[in-house]
Amino acid sequence: MKKTNLTVEMVYVTPEVAKNFLRFNNNNRNEAERHSRFLTKEMNEGRFIENGESIVFDINGQLKDGQHRLTSIIKSGKSYFIPIVRGVIPNAMATYDTGKNRSSADVLTLNGFKSTTAVSSFIKAIHKFEVRKSKSIKFDGGARESILTNQQVLEYCQDNYDWIIPIINKTAARYKSSKIKVLNQTQLSIITYFIGGETPNLNVYSFIDYLIGNEISRESATSYLYNKLYNAKINKEPLNFYWILGMSIKAYNYFIEGNPPVKYFKFDVSSDLPKVEKEINN
């Protein structure tokens, strides 16, 4: 029978235990303060989960993996059951983190949800532009501490899936039917949500058709914005999505007024998003 030097023990890691373990953190990588702040916040807000990820010591007793979790346990004052692995070879660190990290879409799929890539991206966009009120040039990305964790995405999806998936499906159908993809599907979903909320009406989806060129109304606010998006797409010139969102809301306000002739309008990205005007029922 093949033997191993590895041992595994489940330990309740308190701040005092964490301090003791960190005494053996002599040859590890430098602490990433941003990652430590992120983990500390997750612990303080009750989102850090005992997921079986271990803390690792080598055959010489030196800490090889887990310094950020241990540091965050000390800073947060929290305690967790964590497997402690001992006896790895000293250069084992070179083989860590070589696999593909599980994405939020993977987590949603494992929990039985559909269209998970689109749903995950949509939820993160809502968090970025509605909750954090970002005015970022880029649609995706951001500092790690400002991005939702997989667990947060899952919880939001569980609470809101019933209204999220109809928006995803309806914008996906329009995206697929557009000849020139001036916006991606998630961008269409977030524009739809910002204009129509959780239950957009037919006018909102009709506006989306004009916005992406499925319908044409010349010399109107929708055609003006579509031409801007089209030219940027053809010329491969990235546009500030916050600007696109603000312009879309303005174009929609013209649209529900009857889509009158409009040669020019603008949105200042230093300002807050425009208010969505209520439709006048005739």
Protein backbone atom coordinates (compact mmCIF):
# COMPACT_ATOMS: atom_id res chain seq x y z
CA MET A 1 0.00 0.00 0.00
CA LYS A 2 1.30 3.41 -0.98
CA LYS A 3 2.04 5.70 1.98
CA THR A 4 1.88 9.49 2.29
CA ASN A 5 3.37 12.07 4.58
CA LEU A 6 0.19 14.14 4.38
CA THR A 7 -2.14 14.46 7.38
CA VAL A 8 -5.48 16.26 7.58
CA GLU A 9 -7.10 17.63 10.73
CA MET A 10 -10.26 19.72 11.13
CA VAL A 11 -9.45 22.69 13.37
CA TYR A 12 -11.67 25.46 14.74
CA VAL A 13 -9.50 28.41 13.74
CA THR A 14 -10.01 31.33 16.11
CA PRO A 15 -8.08 34.63 15.88
CA GLU A 16 -5.70 33.26 18.53
CA VAL A 17 -5.10 30.06 16.53
CA ALA A 18 -4.64 32.13 13.36
CA LYS A 19 -1.97 34.24 15.07
CA ASN A 20 -0.15 31.08 16.09
CA PHE A 21 -0.30 29.63 12.55
CA LEU A 22 1.05 32.87 11.07
CA ARG A 23 4.19 32.50 13.19
CA PHE A 24 5.23 29.90 10.59
CA ASN A 25 4.62 32.17 7.59
CA ASN A 26 8.29 32.76 6.80
CA ASN A 27 8.76 32.03 3.10
CA ASN A 28 5.30 32.72 1.67
CA ARG A 29 4.38 35.36 -0.91
CA ASN A 30 3.87 38.93 0.30
CA GLU A 31 0.43 39.70 1.64
CA ALA A 32 -1.94 41.23 -0.93
CA GLU A 33 -3.64 43.93 1.13
CA ARG A 34 -6.55 44.26 -1.30
CA HIS A 35 -7.32 40.55 -1.11
CA SER A 36 -7.03 40.61 2.67
CA ARG A 37 -9.49 43.55 2.85
CA PHE A 38 -11.87 41.68 0.57
CA LEU A 39 -11.83 38.53 2.73
CA THR A 40 -12.19 40.55 5.92
CA LYS A 41 -15.26 42.28 4.51
CA GLU A 42 -16.75 38.92 3.46
CA MET A 43 -16.25 37.62 7.02
CA ASN A 44 -17.63 40.75 8.69
CA GLU A 45 -20.75 40.66 6.51
CA GLY A 46 -21.37 36.94 7.04
CA ARG A 47 -20.63 35.78 3.49
CA PHE A 48 -17.47 33.78 4.15
CA ILE A 49 -18.43 30.10 4.06
CA GLU A 50 -16.70 27.03 5.49
CA ASN A 51 -16.20 25.44 2.07
CA GLY A 52 -13.53 22.84 2.86
CA GLU A 53 -10.63 24.85 1.45
CA SER A 54 -7.60 23.92 3.54
CA ILE A 55 -4.70 25.70 5.19
CA VAL A 56 -1.45 23.99 4.23
CA PHE A 57 1.88 23.44 6.02
CA ASP A 58 4.93 21.73 4.52
CA ILE A 59 7.04 18.94 6.00
CA ASN A 60 9.16 21.58 7.77
CA GLY A 61 6.12 23.12 9.44
CA GLN A 62 6.14 26.25 7.26
CA LEU A 63 2.83 27.77 6.18
CA LYS A 64 2.38 27.31 2.43
CA ASP A 65 -1.24 28.37 1.78
CA GLY A 66 -3.83 30.29 3.80
CA GLN A 67 -2.09 33.45 5.03
CA HIS A 68 -4.82 35.78 3.72
CA ARG A 69 -7.61 33.78 5.35
CA LEU A 70 -5.68 33.66 8.61
CA THR A 71 -4.98 37.40 8.50
CA SER A 72 -8.63 38.14 7.80
CA ILE A 73 -9.77 35.90 10.67
CA ILE A 74 -7.61 38.02 12.98
CA LYS A 75 -8.89 41.32 11.55
CA SER A 76 -12.56 40.26 11.59
CA GLY A 77 -12.48 38.45 14.94
CA LYS A 78 -14.39 35.53 13.39
CA SER A 79 -13.72 31.79 13.78
CA TYR A 80 -14.20 28.93 11.32
CA PHE A 81 -13.75 25.19 11.01
CA ILE A 82 -10.94 24.73 8.45
CA PRO A 83 -9.09 21.57 7.35
CA ILE A 84 -5.39 21.78 8.20
CA VAL A 85 -3.13 19.81 5.85
CA ARG A 86 0.44 19.07 6.95
CA GLY A 87 3.37 17.37 5.28
CA VAL A 88 3.44 18.71 1.72
CA ILE A 89 6.80 19.06 -0.01
CA PRO A 90 8.31 22.58 0.26
CA ASN A 91 7.92 23.46 -3.44
CA ALA A 92 4.26 22.36 -3.59
CA MET A 93 3.16 26.03 -3.80
CA ALA A 94 4.15 26.06 -7.47
CA THR A 95 1.28 23.68 -8.23
CA TYR A 96 -1.46 25.65 -6.43
CA ASP A 97 -4.18 27.58 -8.28
CA THR A 98 -3.38 25.94 -11.62
CA GLY A 99 -6.99 24.86 -12.21
CA LYS A 100 -9.85 26.94 -13.55
CA ASN A 101 -11.57 28.96 -10.82
CA ARG A 102 -15.31 28.37 -10.50
CA SER A 103 -17.23 31.32 -11.91
CA SER A 104 -20.52 32.73 -10.67
CA ALA A 105 -22.14 31.28 -13.81
CA ASP A 106 -20.79 27.84 -12.81
CA VAL A 107 -22.31 28.24 -9.35
CA LEU A 108 -25.70 29.22 -10.81
CA THR A 109 -25.61 26.19 -13.12
CA LEU A 110 -24.83 23.87 -10.21
CA ASN A 111 -27.89 25.28 -8.45
CA GLY A 112 -30.20 24.49 -11.37
CA PHE A 113 -30.57 27.88 -13.05
CA LYS A 114 -30.64 28.44 -16.83
CA SER A 115 -28.90 30.99 -19.10
CA THR A 116 -26.40 31.39 -16.29
CA THR A 117 -23.71 33.38 -18.12
CA ALA A 118 -26.24 36.03 -19.13
CA VAL A 119 -27.92 36.00 -15.71
CA SER A 120 -24.62 36.35 -13.86
CA SER A 121 -23.45 39.23 -16.07
CA PHE A 122 -26.82 40.97 -15.69
CA ILE A 123 -26.75 40.73 -11.89
CA LYS A 124 -23.20 42.11 -11.74
CA ALA A 125 -24.20 44.98 -14.05
CA ILE A 126 -27.17 45.84 -11.83
CA HIS A 127 -24.85 45.92 -8.83
CA LYS A 128 -22.32 48.09 -10.64
CA PHE A 129 -24.59 50.69 -12.18
CA GLU A 130 -27.57 50.74 -9.79
CA VAL A 131 -26.23 49.75 -6.37
CA ARG A 132 -22.72 51.22 -6.62
CA LYS A 133 -23.87 53.94 -9.04
CA SER A 134 -20.68 53.52 -11.05
CA LYS A 135 -19.86 55.93 -13.86
CA SER A 136 -17.17 53.63 -15.18
CA ILE A 137 -16.11 53.77 -18.80
CA LYS A 138 -15.95 49.98 -18.92
CA PHE A 139 -19.05 47.81 -18.70
CA ASP A 140 -17.25 44.89 -17.03
CA GLY A 141 -14.66 44.61 -14.33
CA GLY A 142 -13.59 46.74 -11.40
CA ALA A 143 -11.67 46.41 -8.15
CA ARG A 144 -12.19 42.99 -6.57
CA GLU A 145 -13.68 44.38 -3.36
CA SER A 146 -16.39 46.11 -5.43
CA ILE A 147 -17.37 43.01 -7.44
CA LEU A 148 -20.03 40.60 -6.21
CA THR A 149 -18.83 37.24 -4.93
CA ASN A 150 -20.22 33.99 -6.32
CA GLN A 151 -22.33 33.58 -3.18
CA GLN A 152 -23.80 37.09 -3.53
CA VAL A 153 -24.67 36.44 -7.17
CA LEU A 154 -26.36 33.17 -6.21
CA GLU A 155 -28.39 34.79 -3.42
CA TYR A 156 -29.51 37.66 -5.66
CA CYS A 157 -30.48 35.19 -8.39
CA GLN A 158 -32.47 33.06 -5.94
CA ASP A 159 -34.41 36.12 -4.77
CA ASN A 160 -34.99 37.70 -8.20
CA TYR A 161 -34.83 34.98 -10.87
CA ASP A 162 -38.58 35.20 -11.66
CA TRP A 163 -38.23 38.69 -13.14
CA ILE A 164 -34.61 38.43 -14.30
CA ILE A 165 -35.11 35.55 -16.73
CA PRO A 166 -37.97 37.17 -18.76
CA ILE A 167 -35.77 40.24 -19.36
CA ILE A 168 -32.86 38.00 -20.35
CA ASN A 169 -35.00 35.97 -22.76
CA LYS A 170 -36.73 38.93 -24.40
CA THR A 171 -33.55 40.93 -24.92
CA ALA A 172 -31.77 37.78 -26.16
CA ALA A 173 -34.39 37.32 -28.87
CA ARG A 174 -33.95 40.89 -30.05
CA TYR A 175 -30.16 40.66 -29.89
CA LYS A 176 -30.14 37.53 -32.04
CA SER A 177 -32.40 39.12 -34.68
CA SER A 178 -30.27 42.28 -35.03
CA LYS A 179 -28.02 42.36 -38.09
CA ILE A 180 -25.33 44.58 -36.59
CA LYS A 181 -24.64 43.84 -32.92
CA VAL A 182 -24.19 47.43 -31.75
CA LEU A 183 -24.65 46.35 -28.11
CA ASN A 184 -24.18 43.01 -26.40
CA GLN A 185 -27.03 41.13 -24.79
CA THR A 186 -26.18 42.07 -21.20
CA GLN A 187 -25.99 45.74 -22.15
CA LEU A 188 -29.46 45.45 -23.68
CA SER A 189 -30.73 43.78 -20.52
CA ILE A 190 -29.38 46.48 -18.22
CA ILE A 191 -30.76 49.28 -20.43
CA THR A 192 -34.14 47.51 -20.43
CA TYR A 193 -34.02 47.20 -16.63
CA PHE A 194 -33.02 50.82 -16.02
CA ILE A 195 -35.87 52.05 -18.22
CA GLY A 196 -38.59 49.53 -17.42
CA GLY A 197 -37.68 48.15 -14.00
CA GLU A 198 -38.44 44.54 -13.11
CA THR A 199 -41.48 44.30 -15.41
CA PRO A 200 -40.79 46.29 -18.60
CA ASN A 201 -43.85 46.87 -20.78
CA LEU A 202 -44.19 46.45 -24.54
CA ASN A 203 -43.12 50.04 -25.23
CA VAL A 204 -39.76 49.40 -23.54
CA TYR A 205 -39.08 46.36 -25.73
CA SER A 206 -40.29 48.28 -28.78
CA PHE A 207 -37.76 50.99 -27.92
CA ILE A 208 -35.01 48.35 -27.69
CA ASP A 209 -35.89 47.25 -31.24
CA TYR A 210 -35.36 50.81 -32.47
CA LEU A 211 -32.21 51.24 -30.40
CA ILE A 212 -30.47 48.26 -32.07
CA GLY A 213 -31.78 48.84 -35.59
CA ASN A 214 -34.45 46.13 -35.78
CA GLU A 215 -36.89 48.99 -36.41
CA ILE A 216 -36.06 52.31 -38.07
CA SER A 217 -37.44 55.80 -37.42
CA ARG A 218 -35.35 58.33 -39.29
CA GLU A 219 -34.27 61.67 -37.81
CA SER A 220 -35.44 60.67 -34.34
CA ALA A 221 -33.64 60.28 -31.01
CA THR A 222 -33.54 56.52 -31.47
CA SER A 223 -32.00 56.78 -34.95
CA TYR A 224 -29.50 59.38 -33.72
CA LEU A 225 -28.30 57.08 -30.94
CA TYR A 226 -28.35 53.99 -33.15
CA ASN A 227 -26.11 55.77 -35.69
CA LYS A 228 -23.67 56.65 -32.89
CA LEU A 229 -23.58 53.02 -31.78
CA TYR A 230 -23.35 51.73 -35.34
CA ASN A 231 -20.44 54.02 -36.27
CA ALA A 232 -18.56 53.11 -33.09
CA LYS A 233 -19.05 49.42 -33.85
CA ILE A 234 -17.92 49.70 -37.48
CA ASN A 235 -14.91 51.86 -36.59
CA LYS A 236 -14.05 49.71 -33.55
CA GLU A 237 -14.22 52.72 -31.24
CA PRO A 238 -15.26 51.73 -27.70
CA LEU A 239 -17.92 53.91 -26.10
CA ASN A 240 -18.37 54.71 -22.42
CA PHE A 241 -21.27 52.48 -21.34
CA TYR A 242 -22.40 54.99 -18.71
CA TRP A 243 -22.78 57.45 -21.59
CA ILE A 244 -24.72 54.84 -23.59
CA LEU A 245 -27.02 54.24 -20.61
CA GLY A 246 -27.68 57.94 -20.09
CA MET A 247 -28.27 58.52 -23.80
CA SER A 248 -30.60 55.51 -23.94
CA ILE A 249 -32.77 56.88 -21.14
CA LYS A 250 -32.93 60.26 -22.89
CA ALA A 251 -33.80 58.60 -26.19
CA TYR A 252 -36.54 56.59 -24.49
CA ASN A 253 -38.05 59.76 -23.02
CA TYR A 254 -38.30 61.15 -26.57
CA PHE A 255 -39.64 57.80 -27.77
CA ILE A 256 -42.62 57.72 -25.43
CA GLU A 257 -43.46 61.28 -26.48
CA GLY A 258 -44.10 59.95 -29.98
CA ASN A 259 -40.49 59.66 -31.19
CA PRO A 260 -40.46 63.18 -32.71
CA PRO A 261 -37.74 64.46 -35.07
CA VAL A 262 -34.52 65.01 -33.09
CA LYS A 263 -31.28 65.96 -34.80
CA TYR A 264 -29.07 66.12 -31.74
CA PHE A 265 -29.06 65.51 -27.98
CA LYS A 266 -26.34 64.78 -25.43
CA PHE A 267 -25.59 63.35 -22.00
CA ASP A 268 -22.80 64.53 -19.71
CA VAL A 269 -21.05 61.53 -18.11
CA SER A 270 -20.13 63.63 -15.07
CA SER A 271 -23.82 63.93 -14.16
CA ASP A 272 -26.28 61.45 -12.68
CA LEU A 273 -28.44 59.35 -14.98
CA PRO A 274 -31.54 61.10 -16.35
CA LYS A 275 -34.92 60.37 -14.82
CA VAL A 276 -37.11 57.99 -16.81
CA GLU A 277 -40.28 59.87 -17.71
CA LYS A 278 -43.60 58.20 -17.07
CA GLU A 279 -45.73 57.34 -20.05
CA ILE A 280 -48.87 59.38 -20.61
CA ASN A 281 -51.85 57.09 -21.09
CA ASN A 282 -54.24 58.35 -23.68
